[in-house]
N, C-alpha and C. Protein backbone atom coordinates (compact mmCIF):
# COMPACT_ATOMS: atom_id res chain seq x y z
N MET A 1 3.60 44.21 -106.71
CA MET A 1 3.92 45.20 -105.69
C MET A 1 3.00 44.97 -104.49
N ARG A 2 3.56 45.10 -103.31
CA ARG A 2 2.80 44.92 -102.07
C ARG A 2 2.39 46.31 -101.58
N VAL A 3 1.09 46.53 -101.47
CA VAL A 3 0.55 47.86 -101.18
C VAL A 3 -0.27 47.84 -99.89
N LEU A 4 0.01 48.82 -99.02
CA LEU A 4 -0.83 49.06 -97.86
C LEU A 4 -1.77 50.20 -98.20
N ILE A 5 -3.08 49.94 -98.20
CA ILE A 5 -4.06 50.99 -98.45
C ILE A 5 -4.53 51.55 -97.12
N ALA A 6 -4.43 52.86 -96.96
CA ALA A 6 -4.88 53.56 -95.76
C ALA A 6 -6.19 54.26 -96.08
N ALA A 7 -7.25 53.85 -95.39
CA ALA A 7 -8.58 54.42 -95.58
C ALA A 7 -9.00 55.12 -94.30
N PRO A 8 -9.20 56.44 -94.33
CA PRO A 8 -9.44 57.18 -93.09
C PRO A 8 -10.72 56.82 -92.33
N THR A 9 -11.85 56.82 -92.98
CA THR A 9 -13.11 56.57 -92.27
C THR A 9 -13.54 55.12 -92.41
N GLY A 10 -14.43 54.71 -91.54
CA GLY A 10 -14.98 53.36 -91.65
C GLY A 10 -15.67 53.13 -92.98
N ARG A 11 -16.36 54.14 -93.47
CA ARG A 11 -17.05 54.04 -94.76
C ARG A 11 -16.05 53.84 -95.88
N GLU A 12 -14.97 54.63 -95.90
CA GLU A 12 -13.94 54.49 -96.94
C GLU A 12 -13.27 53.12 -96.85
N TYR A 13 -13.04 52.65 -95.63
CA TYR A 13 -12.43 51.35 -95.41
C TYR A 13 -13.32 50.24 -96.00
N ARG A 14 -14.61 50.27 -95.68
CA ARG A 14 -15.53 49.25 -96.22
C ARG A 14 -15.59 49.32 -97.74
N ASN A 15 -15.61 50.53 -98.29
CA ASN A 15 -15.72 50.70 -99.74
C ASN A 15 -14.51 50.14 -100.48
N ILE A 16 -13.31 50.40 -99.96
CA ILE A 16 -12.12 49.90 -100.67
C ILE A 16 -11.95 48.40 -100.45
N LYS A 17 -12.31 47.91 -99.27
CA LYS A 17 -12.26 46.46 -99.03
C LYS A 17 -13.19 45.74 -100.02
N ALA A 18 -14.38 46.29 -100.25
CA ALA A 18 -15.32 45.69 -101.19
C ALA A 18 -14.77 45.73 -102.61
N ALA A 19 -14.16 46.85 -102.98
CA ALA A 19 -13.59 46.96 -104.33
C ALA A 19 -12.50 45.92 -104.55
N VAL A 20 -11.61 45.75 -103.58
CA VAL A 20 -10.54 44.76 -103.71
C VAL A 20 -11.13 43.36 -103.77
N ALA A 21 -12.11 43.07 -102.94
CA ALA A 21 -12.73 41.73 -102.92
C ALA A 21 -13.43 41.43 -104.24
N ASN A 22 -14.07 42.44 -104.83
CA ASN A 22 -14.83 42.24 -106.06
C ASN A 22 -13.97 42.32 -107.32
N ALA A 23 -12.72 42.74 -107.19
CA ALA A 23 -11.87 42.93 -108.36
C ALA A 23 -11.38 41.62 -108.96
N GLY A 24 -11.40 40.55 -108.17
CA GLY A 24 -10.83 39.30 -108.66
C GLY A 24 -9.32 39.40 -108.65
N ALA A 25 -8.69 38.92 -109.72
CA ALA A 25 -7.23 38.98 -109.82
C ALA A 25 -6.78 40.43 -109.97
N THR A 26 -5.78 40.81 -109.19
CA THR A 26 -5.22 42.17 -109.27
C THR A 26 -3.73 42.08 -109.55
N ARG A 27 -3.23 43.17 -110.09
CA ARG A 27 -1.81 43.26 -110.42
C ARG A 27 -0.95 43.32 -109.15
N HIS A 28 -1.45 43.99 -108.12
CA HIS A 28 -0.73 44.16 -106.87
C HIS A 28 -1.43 43.37 -105.76
N SER A 29 -0.72 43.13 -104.66
CA SER A 29 -1.38 42.57 -103.48
C SER A 29 -1.66 43.71 -102.52
N TYR A 30 -2.84 43.66 -101.88
CA TYR A 30 -3.30 44.78 -101.05
C TYR A 30 -3.62 44.32 -99.63
N ASP A 31 -3.13 45.08 -98.67
CA ASP A 31 -3.61 45.03 -97.30
C ASP A 31 -4.29 46.37 -97.07
N THR A 32 -5.30 46.37 -96.23
CA THR A 32 -6.05 47.60 -95.99
C THR A 32 -6.13 47.87 -94.49
N VAL A 33 -5.95 49.14 -94.13
CA VAL A 33 -6.07 49.54 -92.74
C VAL A 33 -7.00 50.75 -92.66
N ASN A 34 -7.86 50.74 -91.63
CA ASN A 34 -8.70 51.91 -91.34
C ASN A 34 -7.84 52.82 -90.48
N CYS A 35 -7.19 53.81 -91.12
CA CYS A 35 -6.15 54.59 -90.44
C CYS A 35 -6.70 55.68 -89.52
N GLY A 36 -8.00 55.96 -89.60
CA GLY A 36 -8.56 57.02 -88.77
C GLY A 36 -8.45 58.38 -89.43
N VAL A 37 -9.21 59.32 -88.90
CA VAL A 37 -9.29 60.67 -89.46
C VAL A 37 -8.32 61.59 -88.73
N GLY A 38 -7.61 62.41 -89.49
CA GLY A 38 -6.70 63.38 -88.90
C GLY A 38 -5.26 62.91 -88.94
N LYS A 39 -4.36 63.88 -88.77
CA LYS A 39 -2.94 63.63 -88.96
C LYS A 39 -2.37 62.65 -87.95
N ALA A 40 -2.65 62.85 -86.67
CA ALA A 40 -2.02 62.03 -85.64
C ALA A 40 -2.44 60.58 -85.73
N GLU A 41 -3.73 60.33 -85.79
CA GLU A 41 -4.20 58.94 -85.83
C GLU A 41 -3.77 58.23 -87.11
N ALA A 42 -3.83 58.93 -88.24
CA ALA A 42 -3.44 58.31 -89.51
C ALA A 42 -1.96 57.93 -89.49
N ALA A 43 -1.10 58.82 -89.05
CA ALA A 43 0.34 58.53 -89.01
C ALA A 43 0.64 57.38 -88.06
N ALA A 44 0.04 57.41 -86.88
CA ALA A 44 0.30 56.36 -85.90
C ALA A 44 -0.20 55.00 -86.39
N THR A 45 -1.38 54.97 -86.98
CA THR A 45 -1.95 53.71 -87.44
C THR A 45 -1.13 53.13 -88.59
N VAL A 46 -0.74 53.97 -89.54
CA VAL A 46 0.05 53.48 -90.67
C VAL A 46 1.42 53.00 -90.19
N ALA A 47 2.08 53.74 -89.30
CA ALA A 47 3.39 53.31 -88.79
C ALA A 47 3.27 51.98 -88.06
N THR A 48 2.20 51.79 -87.30
CA THR A 48 1.98 50.53 -86.59
C THR A 48 1.76 49.39 -87.57
N ALA A 49 0.97 49.63 -88.61
CA ALA A 49 0.71 48.59 -89.62
C ALA A 49 1.99 48.19 -90.34
N VAL A 50 2.83 49.16 -90.65
CA VAL A 50 4.11 48.86 -91.32
C VAL A 50 5.00 48.05 -90.38
N ALA A 51 5.08 48.44 -89.12
CA ALA A 51 5.95 47.75 -88.16
C ALA A 51 5.49 46.31 -87.91
N ARG A 52 4.20 46.07 -87.97
CA ARG A 52 3.66 44.74 -87.68
C ARG A 52 3.56 43.84 -88.92
N ALA A 53 3.82 44.39 -90.09
CA ALA A 53 3.66 43.61 -91.33
C ALA A 53 4.66 42.46 -91.39
N SER A 54 4.22 41.34 -91.92
CA SER A 54 5.09 40.17 -92.06
C SER A 54 6.12 40.35 -93.18
N GLU A 55 5.79 41.20 -94.15
CA GLU A 55 6.70 41.51 -95.25
C GLU A 55 6.67 43.02 -95.47
N PRO A 56 7.76 43.60 -96.02
CA PRO A 56 7.76 45.05 -96.26
C PRO A 56 6.77 45.46 -97.35
N TYR A 57 6.30 46.69 -97.26
CA TYR A 57 5.43 47.25 -98.28
C TYR A 57 6.25 48.02 -99.30
N ASP A 58 5.82 47.95 -100.56
CA ASP A 58 6.46 48.69 -101.64
C ASP A 58 5.82 50.06 -101.82
N LEU A 59 4.60 50.23 -101.30
CA LEU A 59 3.84 51.47 -101.49
C LEU A 59 2.78 51.57 -100.41
N ILE A 60 2.54 52.79 -99.96
CA ILE A 60 1.39 53.09 -99.11
C ILE A 60 0.47 53.98 -99.93
N ALA A 61 -0.80 53.64 -100.01
CA ALA A 61 -1.77 54.40 -100.80
C ALA A 61 -2.88 54.91 -99.89
N VAL A 62 -3.10 56.22 -99.89
CA VAL A 62 -4.20 56.82 -99.13
C VAL A 62 -5.35 57.03 -100.10
N ILE A 63 -6.51 56.50 -99.76
CA ILE A 63 -7.66 56.59 -100.67
C ILE A 63 -8.84 57.26 -99.94
N GLY A 64 -9.86 57.61 -100.72
CA GLY A 64 -11.08 58.12 -100.10
C GLY A 64 -11.63 59.35 -100.77
N TYR A 65 -12.24 60.20 -99.94
CA TYR A 65 -12.90 61.42 -100.40
C TYR A 65 -12.06 62.63 -100.01
N ALA A 66 -12.15 63.69 -100.79
CA ALA A 66 -11.42 64.93 -100.49
C ALA A 66 -12.16 66.11 -101.10
N ALA A 67 -11.97 67.27 -100.48
CA ALA A 67 -12.48 68.51 -101.06
C ALA A 67 -11.56 68.96 -102.18
N GLY A 68 -12.12 69.66 -103.15
CA GLY A 68 -11.32 70.18 -104.26
C GLY A 68 -11.60 71.65 -104.50
N THR A 69 -10.70 72.29 -105.21
CA THR A 69 -10.87 73.69 -105.56
C THR A 69 -11.81 73.82 -106.75
N ALA A 70 -12.19 75.04 -107.06
CA ALA A 70 -12.98 75.32 -108.26
C ALA A 70 -12.24 74.75 -109.46
N GLY A 71 -12.99 74.22 -110.40
CA GLY A 71 -12.39 73.54 -111.55
C GLY A 71 -12.54 72.04 -111.45
N PHE A 72 -12.74 71.54 -110.24
CA PHE A 72 -13.06 70.13 -110.03
C PHE A 72 -14.57 69.99 -109.89
N ALA A 73 -15.06 68.80 -110.17
CA ALA A 73 -16.47 68.48 -109.98
C ALA A 73 -16.59 67.30 -109.05
N GLN A 74 -17.70 67.23 -108.32
CA GLN A 74 -17.94 66.07 -107.48
C GLN A 74 -17.85 64.81 -108.34
N GLY A 75 -17.14 63.83 -107.83
CA GLY A 75 -16.99 62.56 -108.54
C GLY A 75 -15.71 62.44 -109.34
N ASP A 76 -14.99 63.56 -109.56
CA ASP A 76 -13.70 63.46 -110.25
C ASP A 76 -12.76 62.58 -109.42
N VAL A 77 -11.98 61.75 -110.10
CA VAL A 77 -10.95 60.95 -109.45
C VAL A 77 -9.62 61.64 -109.69
N VAL A 78 -8.92 61.94 -108.61
CA VAL A 78 -7.68 62.71 -108.69
C VAL A 78 -6.56 61.95 -107.98
N MET A 79 -5.40 61.95 -108.61
CA MET A 79 -4.21 61.34 -108.04
C MET A 79 -3.14 62.42 -107.93
N PRO A 80 -3.05 63.09 -106.78
CA PRO A 80 -2.14 64.23 -106.66
C PRO A 80 -0.67 63.84 -106.73
N SER A 81 0.15 64.82 -107.10
CA SER A 81 1.60 64.62 -107.28
C SER A 81 2.42 65.01 -106.06
N TRP A 82 1.91 65.91 -105.26
CA TRP A 82 2.66 66.33 -104.08
C TRP A 82 1.72 66.80 -102.98
N VAL A 83 2.24 66.75 -101.75
CA VAL A 83 1.45 67.11 -100.57
C VAL A 83 2.27 67.99 -99.65
N ARG A 84 1.57 68.88 -98.96
CA ARG A 84 2.17 69.63 -97.86
C ARG A 84 1.05 70.07 -96.92
N TYR A 85 1.44 70.44 -95.71
CA TYR A 85 0.45 70.90 -94.73
C TYR A 85 -0.02 72.31 -95.08
N HIS A 86 -1.30 72.57 -94.88
CA HIS A 86 -1.79 73.94 -95.04
C HIS A 86 -1.99 74.62 -93.70
N ASP A 87 -1.93 73.85 -92.61
CA ASP A 87 -2.19 74.42 -91.29
C ASP A 87 -0.94 74.44 -90.42
N CYS A 88 0.22 74.46 -91.05
CA CYS A 88 1.49 74.48 -90.33
C CYS A 88 2.08 75.89 -90.41
N ASN A 89 2.04 76.63 -89.31
CA ASN A 89 2.50 78.01 -89.30
C ASN A 89 3.97 78.06 -88.85
N VAL A 90 4.84 77.57 -89.75
CA VAL A 90 6.28 77.53 -89.50
C VAL A 90 6.95 78.16 -90.72
N PRO A 91 7.96 79.03 -90.53
CA PRO A 91 8.63 79.63 -91.69
C PRO A 91 9.20 78.56 -92.62
N ASP A 92 9.06 78.79 -93.93
CA ASP A 92 9.60 77.86 -94.91
C ASP A 92 11.07 77.60 -94.64
N GLY A 93 11.45 76.32 -94.69
CA GLY A 93 12.83 75.94 -94.50
C GLY A 93 13.24 75.76 -93.05
N PHE A 94 12.45 76.24 -92.10
CA PHE A 94 12.82 76.15 -90.69
C PHE A 94 12.71 74.71 -90.18
N VAL A 95 11.63 74.05 -90.53
CA VAL A 95 11.44 72.63 -90.24
C VAL A 95 11.02 71.99 -91.55
N PRO A 96 11.99 71.67 -92.43
CA PRO A 96 11.66 71.24 -93.79
C PRO A 96 10.73 70.04 -93.85
N GLU A 97 10.86 69.11 -92.90
CA GLU A 97 10.00 67.94 -92.94
C GLU A 97 8.53 68.29 -92.73
N LEU A 98 8.26 69.48 -92.23
CA LEU A 98 6.87 69.94 -92.09
C LEU A 98 6.45 70.91 -93.19
N THR A 99 7.41 71.69 -93.70
CA THR A 99 7.03 72.76 -94.62
C THR A 99 7.28 72.47 -96.09
N ASP A 100 8.21 71.58 -96.39
CA ASP A 100 8.53 71.30 -97.79
C ASP A 100 7.52 70.34 -98.40
N PRO A 101 7.20 70.52 -99.67
CA PRO A 101 6.30 69.57 -100.33
C PRO A 101 6.93 68.18 -100.38
N CYS A 102 6.09 67.17 -100.28
CA CYS A 102 6.52 65.78 -100.37
C CYS A 102 5.93 65.19 -101.66
N GLU A 103 6.79 64.60 -102.46
CA GLU A 103 6.34 64.02 -103.73
C GLU A 103 5.55 62.75 -103.50
N LEU A 104 4.50 62.58 -104.29
CA LEU A 104 3.67 61.38 -104.26
C LEU A 104 3.85 60.61 -105.56
N ARG A 105 3.69 59.31 -105.53
CA ARG A 105 3.86 58.46 -106.70
C ARG A 105 2.66 58.56 -107.64
N GLY A 106 2.96 58.52 -108.94
CA GLY A 106 1.91 58.39 -109.95
C GLY A 106 1.00 59.57 -110.10
N GLY A 107 1.42 60.72 -109.67
CA GLY A 107 0.52 61.87 -109.64
C GLY A 107 0.22 62.48 -111.00
N ASP A 108 -0.84 63.29 -111.01
CA ASP A 108 -1.31 63.94 -112.23
C ASP A 108 -0.98 65.44 -112.25
N GLY A 109 -0.09 65.88 -111.37
CA GLY A 109 0.31 67.28 -111.32
C GLY A 109 -0.42 68.10 -110.28
N THR A 110 -1.43 67.54 -109.66
CA THR A 110 -2.25 68.25 -108.69
C THR A 110 -1.58 68.26 -107.32
N ALA A 111 -1.80 69.34 -106.57
CA ALA A 111 -1.34 69.44 -105.18
C ALA A 111 -2.44 68.95 -104.26
N VAL A 112 -2.03 68.44 -103.09
CA VAL A 112 -2.99 68.16 -102.02
C VAL A 112 -2.45 68.80 -100.76
N PHE A 113 -3.32 69.45 -100.02
CA PHE A 113 -2.96 70.10 -98.77
C PHE A 113 -3.65 69.38 -97.62
N THR A 114 -2.86 69.03 -96.61
CA THR A 114 -3.37 68.30 -95.45
C THR A 114 -3.48 69.24 -94.26
N GLY A 115 -4.58 69.12 -93.54
CA GLY A 115 -4.79 69.88 -92.32
C GLY A 115 -5.84 69.21 -91.47
N ASP A 116 -5.86 69.55 -90.19
CA ASP A 116 -6.79 68.91 -89.26
C ASP A 116 -8.13 69.62 -89.17
N SER A 117 -8.68 69.99 -90.33
CA SER A 117 -10.01 70.59 -90.32
C SER A 117 -10.64 70.47 -91.70
N PHE A 118 -11.96 70.45 -91.72
CA PHE A 118 -12.67 70.59 -92.98
C PHE A 118 -12.42 72.03 -93.46
N VAL A 119 -12.35 72.21 -94.77
CA VAL A 119 -12.10 73.54 -95.30
C VAL A 119 -13.39 74.15 -95.84
N ASP A 120 -13.47 75.47 -95.75
CA ASP A 120 -14.57 76.19 -96.37
C ASP A 120 -14.01 77.04 -97.50
N ALA A 121 -14.86 77.77 -98.20
CA ALA A 121 -14.43 78.53 -99.37
C ALA A 121 -13.36 79.56 -99.02
N ALA A 122 -13.49 80.23 -97.88
CA ALA A 122 -12.50 81.24 -97.49
C ALA A 122 -11.15 80.60 -97.24
N MET A 123 -11.11 79.46 -96.58
CA MET A 123 -9.85 78.76 -96.33
C MET A 123 -9.21 78.32 -97.63
N VAL A 124 -10.02 77.80 -98.55
CA VAL A 124 -9.50 77.34 -99.84
C VAL A 124 -8.86 78.50 -100.58
N ARG A 125 -9.55 79.64 -100.63
CA ARG A 125 -9.00 80.82 -101.33
C ARG A 125 -7.69 81.28 -100.69
N GLU A 126 -7.63 81.27 -99.36
CA GLU A 126 -6.43 81.71 -98.65
C GLU A 126 -5.25 80.79 -98.94
N VAL A 127 -5.48 79.48 -98.92
CA VAL A 127 -4.41 78.52 -99.19
C VAL A 127 -3.94 78.64 -100.64
N LYS A 128 -4.87 78.78 -101.57
CA LYS A 128 -4.48 78.95 -102.97
C LYS A 128 -3.60 80.18 -103.14
N SER A 129 -3.97 81.27 -102.49
CA SER A 129 -3.20 82.50 -102.60
C SER A 129 -1.83 82.35 -101.93
N ARG A 130 -1.80 81.77 -100.75
CA ARG A 130 -0.55 81.63 -100.00
C ARG A 130 0.47 80.76 -100.73
N PHE A 131 0.00 79.69 -101.37
CA PHE A 131 0.91 78.76 -102.01
C PHE A 131 0.99 78.92 -103.53
N GLY A 132 0.22 79.86 -104.09
CA GLY A 132 0.30 80.13 -105.52
C GLY A 132 -0.18 79.00 -106.40
N VAL A 133 -1.27 78.34 -106.00
CA VAL A 133 -1.83 77.25 -106.80
C VAL A 133 -3.27 77.59 -107.16
N GLU A 134 -3.73 77.06 -108.27
CA GLU A 134 -5.12 77.25 -108.69
C GLU A 134 -5.97 76.02 -108.42
N ARG A 135 -5.36 74.84 -108.62
CA ARG A 135 -6.09 73.58 -108.44
C ARG A 135 -5.43 72.75 -107.35
N ALA A 136 -6.24 72.27 -106.43
CA ALA A 136 -5.69 71.47 -105.34
C ALA A 136 -6.80 70.67 -104.67
N LEU A 137 -6.38 69.68 -103.91
CA LEU A 137 -7.26 68.91 -103.04
C LEU A 137 -6.95 69.27 -101.60
N PHE A 138 -7.90 68.95 -100.73
CA PHE A 138 -7.72 69.16 -99.29
C PHE A 138 -8.16 67.90 -98.57
N ASP A 139 -7.27 67.39 -97.71
CA ASP A 139 -7.60 66.20 -96.94
C ASP A 139 -7.05 66.36 -95.53
N MET A 140 -7.17 65.32 -94.74
CA MET A 140 -6.75 65.40 -93.35
C MET A 140 -5.70 64.35 -92.97
N GLU A 141 -5.17 63.60 -93.96
CA GLU A 141 -4.26 62.50 -93.63
C GLU A 141 -3.00 62.38 -94.49
N ILE A 142 -3.05 62.70 -95.77
CA ILE A 142 -1.98 62.34 -96.70
C ILE A 142 -0.62 62.87 -96.25
N GLY A 143 -0.54 64.12 -95.84
CA GLY A 143 0.74 64.69 -95.42
C GLY A 143 1.35 63.93 -94.25
N ALA A 144 0.53 63.58 -93.29
CA ALA A 144 1.01 62.85 -92.11
C ALA A 144 1.43 61.43 -92.48
N VAL A 145 0.68 60.78 -93.36
CA VAL A 145 1.05 59.44 -93.80
C VAL A 145 2.38 59.49 -94.55
N ALA A 146 2.60 60.53 -95.34
CA ALA A 146 3.88 60.66 -96.06
C ALA A 146 5.04 60.79 -95.08
N ILE A 147 4.86 61.51 -93.99
CA ILE A 147 5.91 61.63 -92.98
C ILE A 147 6.14 60.29 -92.30
N ALA A 148 5.05 59.60 -91.94
CA ALA A 148 5.19 58.28 -91.32
C ALA A 148 5.91 57.31 -92.25
N ALA A 149 5.59 57.36 -93.54
CA ALA A 149 6.23 56.47 -94.52
C ALA A 149 7.73 56.76 -94.63
N ARG A 150 8.10 58.03 -94.56
CA ARG A 150 9.52 58.39 -94.60
C ARG A 150 10.23 57.86 -93.36
N VAL A 151 9.62 58.04 -92.19
CA VAL A 151 10.21 57.58 -90.94
C VAL A 151 10.33 56.05 -90.92
N CYS A 152 9.39 55.38 -91.56
CA CYS A 152 9.37 53.90 -91.59
C CYS A 152 10.24 53.32 -92.70
N GLY A 153 11.22 54.06 -93.17
CA GLY A 153 12.16 53.52 -94.13
C GLY A 153 12.05 54.07 -95.53
N GLY A 154 11.28 55.13 -95.70
CA GLY A 154 11.20 55.75 -97.02
C GLY A 154 10.29 55.04 -97.99
N ILE A 155 9.18 54.51 -97.50
CA ILE A 155 8.22 53.83 -98.37
C ILE A 155 7.53 54.89 -99.23
N PRO A 156 7.46 54.69 -100.55
CA PRO A 156 6.73 55.64 -101.39
C PRO A 156 5.25 55.70 -101.03
N VAL A 157 4.65 56.86 -101.28
CA VAL A 157 3.23 57.08 -100.97
C VAL A 157 2.52 57.56 -102.23
N ALA A 158 1.32 57.05 -102.44
CA ALA A 158 0.43 57.54 -103.49
C ALA A 158 -0.89 57.90 -102.84
N ALA A 159 -1.69 58.68 -103.53
CA ALA A 159 -3.02 59.03 -103.04
C ALA A 159 -3.99 59.05 -104.21
N VAL A 160 -5.17 58.50 -103.98
CA VAL A 160 -6.23 58.53 -104.98
C VAL A 160 -7.51 58.92 -104.26
N LYS A 161 -8.12 60.01 -104.72
CA LYS A 161 -9.29 60.54 -104.02
C LYS A 161 -10.42 60.87 -104.99
N PHE A 162 -11.64 60.65 -104.52
CA PHE A 162 -12.84 61.19 -105.16
C PHE A 162 -13.01 62.63 -104.68
N ILE A 163 -13.33 63.54 -105.58
CA ILE A 163 -13.74 64.88 -105.13
C ILE A 163 -15.16 64.76 -104.59
N SER A 164 -15.29 64.99 -103.30
CA SER A 164 -16.60 64.86 -102.65
C SER A 164 -17.33 66.19 -102.54
N ASP A 165 -16.56 67.28 -102.51
CA ASP A 165 -17.18 68.60 -102.36
C ASP A 165 -16.23 69.66 -102.87
N VAL A 166 -16.81 70.76 -103.33
CA VAL A 166 -16.04 71.90 -103.84
C VAL A 166 -16.52 73.13 -103.07
N PRO A 167 -15.83 73.48 -101.97
CA PRO A 167 -16.29 74.59 -101.13
C PRO A 167 -16.51 75.90 -101.89
N GLU A 168 -15.66 76.19 -102.89
CA GLU A 168 -15.82 77.44 -103.64
C GLU A 168 -17.11 77.44 -104.46
N ALA A 169 -17.71 76.28 -104.67
CA ALA A 169 -18.98 76.19 -105.39
C ALA A 169 -20.16 76.19 -104.43
N GLY A 170 -19.89 76.46 -103.15
CA GLY A 170 -20.96 76.51 -102.16
C GLY A 170 -21.21 75.21 -101.43
N HIS A 171 -20.39 74.19 -101.67
CA HIS A 171 -20.58 72.92 -100.98
C HIS A 171 -20.18 73.05 -99.52
N THR A 172 -20.81 72.23 -98.67
CA THR A 172 -20.55 72.23 -97.23
C THR A 172 -20.28 70.81 -96.77
N ASP A 173 -20.11 70.65 -95.45
CA ASP A 173 -19.92 69.30 -94.92
C ASP A 173 -21.13 68.42 -95.23
N LEU A 174 -22.31 69.00 -95.36
CA LEU A 174 -23.50 68.24 -95.75
C LEU A 174 -23.34 67.72 -97.18
N SER A 175 -22.74 68.52 -98.07
CA SER A 175 -22.49 68.09 -99.45
C SER A 175 -21.57 66.88 -99.45
N TYR A 176 -20.56 66.91 -98.59
CA TYR A 176 -19.64 65.78 -98.46
C TYR A 176 -20.41 64.53 -98.05
N GLU A 177 -21.22 64.65 -97.03
CA GLU A 177 -21.98 63.49 -96.53
C GLU A 177 -22.90 62.93 -97.61
N GLU A 178 -23.60 63.81 -98.30
CA GLU A 178 -24.51 63.35 -99.36
C GLU A 178 -23.76 62.64 -100.47
N PHE A 179 -22.60 63.19 -100.87
CA PHE A 179 -21.82 62.56 -101.92
C PHE A 179 -21.30 61.20 -101.46
N ALA A 180 -20.73 61.14 -100.27
CA ALA A 180 -20.18 59.88 -99.77
C ALA A 180 -21.26 58.82 -99.63
N ASP A 181 -22.45 59.21 -99.18
CA ASP A 181 -23.55 58.25 -99.06
C ASP A 181 -23.94 57.67 -100.41
N ALA A 182 -23.86 58.47 -101.46
CA ALA A 182 -24.32 58.05 -102.79
C ALA A 182 -23.22 57.45 -103.65
N ASN A 183 -21.97 57.51 -103.20
CA ASN A 183 -20.84 57.06 -104.03
C ASN A 183 -19.94 56.12 -103.24
N SER A 184 -20.35 54.87 -103.17
CA SER A 184 -19.60 53.88 -102.39
C SER A 184 -18.77 52.93 -103.26
N ASP A 185 -18.87 53.04 -104.58
CA ASP A 185 -18.10 52.17 -105.47
C ASP A 185 -16.69 52.73 -105.62
N PHE A 186 -15.72 52.08 -104.98
CA PHE A 186 -14.33 52.55 -105.03
C PHE A 186 -13.52 51.85 -106.11
N MET A 187 -14.18 51.13 -107.02
CA MET A 187 -13.45 50.48 -108.10
C MET A 187 -12.66 51.49 -108.93
N PRO A 188 -13.17 52.71 -109.20
CA PRO A 188 -12.34 53.68 -109.95
C PRO A 188 -11.04 54.04 -109.22
N LEU A 189 -11.06 54.07 -107.89
CA LEU A 189 -9.84 54.36 -107.14
C LEU A 189 -8.87 53.18 -107.23
N LEU A 190 -9.41 51.97 -107.13
CA LEU A 190 -8.58 50.78 -107.24
C LEU A 190 -7.95 50.68 -108.62
N ARG A 191 -8.71 51.01 -109.66
CA ARG A 191 -8.15 50.96 -111.02
C ARG A 191 -6.95 51.89 -111.16
N GLU A 192 -7.00 53.05 -110.51
CA GLU A 192 -5.84 53.97 -110.56
C GLU A 192 -4.63 53.35 -109.87
N LEU A 193 -4.85 52.70 -108.73
CA LEU A 193 -3.74 52.03 -108.04
C LEU A 193 -3.16 50.91 -108.89
N GLU A 194 -4.00 50.22 -109.60
CA GLU A 194 -3.54 49.11 -110.43
C GLU A 194 -2.62 49.59 -111.57
N LYS A 195 -2.71 50.86 -111.94
CA LYS A 195 -1.87 51.40 -113.01
C LYS A 195 -0.44 51.67 -112.56
N LEU A 196 -0.23 51.74 -111.26
CA LEU A 196 1.12 52.06 -110.73
C LEU A 196 2.06 50.89 -110.89
């Protein structure tokens, strides 16, 4: 399978490039792009990479760090099953491509919510209540990449993330930075992709 890996930050990009380089023989072939942080840049970068590719991709995989709800611990590896925006204030069904959940490949049943901001404990509790979920991840790119993949011909999307912080446990953006600084081995994320 030909896989485009989308890594939001420069740190995540370097970490996954190193994991792929150190893995030796892999089941899939991987190209990697530093897609940038946030919905707009990630979608535009992934769409550009797909358009410029010499061969079509069978899968787009978003990797990196993400916040998690209570019940997750820093360092957990999670492969969510579906994504939707948490910061889209549009009535359900009015613009389905923005409000309906999008299925992700190879998921473990977990939801991921995409929005253009870091989340704190109050935001996490509000999103859990609004969408009726107990366990979820929060990121800034997966939902937008899923839309870009659909527009680019319906390429399936998967996501594999390290839980970097748990806002409901009192973690902050500093917790994220400390975790990311200390956890640069992305081989566990690559191993999950290799199972697909």
